[in-house]
Amino acid sequence: LRSLELLCPGCEFLAKAEHMNPSGTGKDRMALAMLEKAAQELGEQGTVVEGSSGSTVIALAPLVVAKGYKLIAVVPDDVSEEKRNHLL
């Protein structure tokens, strides 16, 4: 940021740091919005089924557990082992 400051003295620079979200992805807000909408139909118990390449379901999983729902995550065979490990 120091180099940006040289280009624009006195300017304030803000950065969006999605990697600092609880899931480490940029999908946390979207996952929360999805779950809040689904909760209207699920009530107090239910099962969330999510088909994703990884990041969405990684963000969704802890939210689903916190709400007391069950999660079925459907991911493609070629999803990285690292992402799979987040879901176990």
C-alpha atoms as a PDB file:
ATOM      1  CA  LEU A   1       0.000   0.000   0.000  1.00  0.00           C
ATOM      2  CA  ARG A   2       2.913   2.326   0.502  1.00  0.00           C
ATOM      3  CA  SER A   3       3.508   2.409  -3.253  1.00  0.00           C
ATOM      4  CA  LEU A   4      -0.155   3.332  -3.822  1.00  0.00           C
ATOM      5  CA  GLU A   5       0.209   6.118  -1.288  1.00  0.00           C
ATOM      6  CA  LEU A   6       3.017   7.583  -3.391  1.00  0.00           C
ATOM      7  CA  LEU A   7       0.689   7.730  -6.377  1.00  0.00           C
ATOM      8  CA  CYS A   8      -2.069   9.427  -4.433  1.00  0.00           C
ATOM      9  CA  PRO A   9      -0.818  11.337  -1.376  1.00  0.00           C
ATOM     10  CA  GLY A  10      -3.525  11.757   1.233  1.00  0.00           C
ATOM     11  CA  CYS A  11      -5.803   9.097  -0.274  1.00  0.00           C
ATOM     12  CA  GLU A  12      -7.296   6.422   1.910  1.00  0.00           C
ATOM     13  CA  PHE A  13      -6.996   2.866   0.593  1.00  0.00           C
ATOM     14  CA  LEU A  14      -9.311   0.096   1.726  1.00  0.00           C
ATOM     15  CA  ALA A  15      -8.900  -3.561   0.858  1.00  0.00           C
ATOM     16  CA  LYS A  16     -11.381  -6.384   0.933  1.00  0.00           C
ATOM     17  CA  ALA A  17      -9.678  -9.388   2.536  1.00  0.00           C
ATOM     18  CA  GLU A  18     -11.963 -12.326   1.743  1.00  0.00           C
ATOM     19  CA  HIS A  19      -9.258 -14.764   2.838  1.00  0.00           C
ATOM     20  CA  MET A  20      -9.926 -13.615   6.404  1.00  0.00           C
ATOM     21  CA  ASN A  21     -13.520 -14.884   6.337  1.00  0.00           C
ATOM     22  CA  PRO A  22     -14.190 -17.785   8.713  1.00  0.00           C
ATOM     23  CA  SER A  23     -14.128 -20.290   5.840  1.00  0.00           C
ATOM     24  CA  GLY A  24     -11.154 -18.652   4.133  1.00  0.00           C
ATOM     25  CA  THR A  25     -13.196 -18.196   0.960  1.00  0.00           C
ATOM     26  CA  GLY A  26     -15.103 -15.343  -0.614  1.00  0.00           C
ATOM     27  CA  LYS A  27     -18.358 -17.259  -0.327  1.00  0.00           C
ATOM     28  CA  ASP A  28     -19.301 -16.663   3.328  1.00  0.00           C
ATOM     29  CA  ARG A  29     -21.863 -13.884   2.816  1.00  0.00           C
ATOM     30  CA  MET A  30     -23.476 -15.736  -0.071  1.00  0.00           C
ATOM     31  CA  ALA A  31     -23.611 -19.002   1.928  1.00  0.00           C
ATOM     32  CA  LEU A  32     -25.236 -17.215   4.859  1.00  0.00           C
ATOM     33  CA  ALA A  33     -27.835 -15.626   2.578  1.00  0.00           C
ATOM     34  CA  MET A  34     -28.593 -19.022   0.996  1.00  0.00           C
ATOM     35  CA  LEU A  35     -29.017 -20.650   4.401  1.00  0.00           C
ATOM     36  CA  GLU A  36     -31.193 -17.852   5.771  1.00  0.00           C
ATOM     37  CA  LYS A  37     -33.518 -18.189   2.777  1.00  0.00           C
ATOM     38  CA  ALA A  38     -33.582 -21.990   3.063  1.00  0.00           C
ATOM     39  CA  ALA A  39     -34.245 -21.771   6.826  1.00  0.00           C
ATOM     40  CA  GLN A  40     -37.640 -20.264   6.058  1.00  0.00           C
ATOM     41  CA  GLU A  41     -38.621 -23.591   4.510  1.00  0.00           C
ATOM     42  CA  LEU A  42     -36.528 -25.934   6.662  1.00  0.00           C
ATOM     43  CA  GLY A  43     -37.854 -24.745   9.982  1.00  0.00           C
ATOM     44  CA  GLU A  44     -35.950 -26.103  12.974  1.00  0.00           C
ATOM     45  CA  GLN A  45     -34.866 -29.372  11.372  1.00  0.00           C
ATOM     46  CA  GLY A  46     -33.829 -30.249   7.893  1.00  0.00           C
ATOM     47  CA  THR A  47     -31.153 -31.331   5.515  1.00  0.00           C
ATOM     48  CA  VAL A  48     -29.295 -29.002   3.190  1.00  0.00           C
ATOM     49  CA  VAL A  49     -28.040 -30.531  -0.061  1.00  0.00           C
ATOM     50  CA  GLU A  50     -25.398 -28.508  -1.885  1.00  0.00           C
ATOM     51  CA  GLY A  51     -23.748 -29.321  -5.180  1.00  0.00           C
ATOM     52  CA  SER A  52     -20.543 -27.335  -5.470  1.00  0.00           C
ATOM     53  CA  SER A  53     -16.975 -27.447  -6.689  1.00  0.00           C
ATOM     54  CA  GLY A  54     -15.865 -26.780  -3.149  1.00  0.00           C
ATOM     55  CA  SER A  55     -15.742 -23.160  -1.987  1.00  0.00           C
ATOM     56  CA  THR A  56     -19.476 -22.696  -1.558  1.00  0.00           C
ATOM     57  CA  VAL A  57     -19.951 -25.898   0.391  1.00  0.00           C
ATOM     58  CA  ILE A  58     -16.868 -25.113   2.529  1.00  0.00           C
ATOM     59  CA  ALA A  59     -18.459 -21.790   3.497  1.00  0.00           C
ATOM     60  CA  LEU A  60     -21.880 -23.369   3.957  1.00  0.00           C
ATOM     61  CA  ALA A  61     -20.845 -26.365   6.099  1.00  0.00           C
ATOM     62  CA  PRO A  62     -20.084 -24.599   9.414  1.00  0.00           C
ATOM     63  CA  LEU A  63     -23.202 -22.448   9.063  1.00  0.00           C
ATOM     64  CA  VAL A  64     -25.392 -25.504   8.492  1.00  0.00           C
ATOM     65  CA  VAL A  65     -23.903 -27.254  11.528  1.00  0.00           C
ATOM     66  CA  ALA A  66     -24.333 -24.126  13.683  1.00  0.00           C
ATOM     67  CA  LYS A  67     -28.035 -24.008  12.747  1.00  0.00           C
ATOM     68  CA  GLY A  68     -28.449 -27.685  13.659  1.00  0.00           C
ATOM     69  CA  TYR A  69     -29.185 -28.910  10.136  1.00  0.00           C
ATOM     70  CA  LYS A  70     -27.656 -31.871   8.345  1.00  0.00           C
ATOM     71  CA  LEU A  71     -25.550 -31.314   5.227  1.00  0.00           C
ATOM     72  CA  ILE A  72     -25.141 -33.489   2.171  1.00  0.00           C
ATOM     73  CA  ALA A  73     -22.278 -32.098   0.090  1.00  0.00           C
ATOM     74  CA  VAL A  74     -22.107 -33.246  -3.526  1.00  0.00           C
ATOM     75  CA  VAL A  75     -18.770 -32.416  -5.118  1.00  0.00           C
ATOM     76  CA  PRO A  76     -17.168 -33.532  -8.394  1.00  0.00           C
ATOM     77  CA  ASP A  77     -14.579 -36.301  -8.384  1.00  0.00           C
ATOM     78  CA  ASP A  78     -11.819 -33.870  -9.319  1.00  0.00           C
ATOM     79  CA  VAL A  79     -12.217 -31.592  -6.277  1.00  0.00           C
ATOM     80  CA  SER A  80      -8.860 -31.135  -4.575  1.00  0.00           C
ATOM     81  CA  GLU A  81      -8.001 -33.250  -1.566  1.00  0.00           C
ATOM     82  CA  GLU A  82      -7.519 -30.055   0.466  1.00  0.00           C
ATOM     83  CA  LYS A  83     -11.132 -29.001  -0.141  1.00  0.00           C
ATOM     84  CA  ARG A  84     -12.394 -32.511   0.582  1.00  0.00           C
ATOM     85  CA  ASN A  85     -10.525 -32.492   3.902  1.00  0.00           C
ATOM     86  CA  HIS A  86     -12.334 -29.303   4.928  1.00  0.00           C
ATOM     87  CA  LEU A  87     -15.610 -31.171   4.637  1.00  0.00           C
ATOM     88  CA  LEU A  88     -14.742 -34.233   6.688  1.00  0.00           C
END
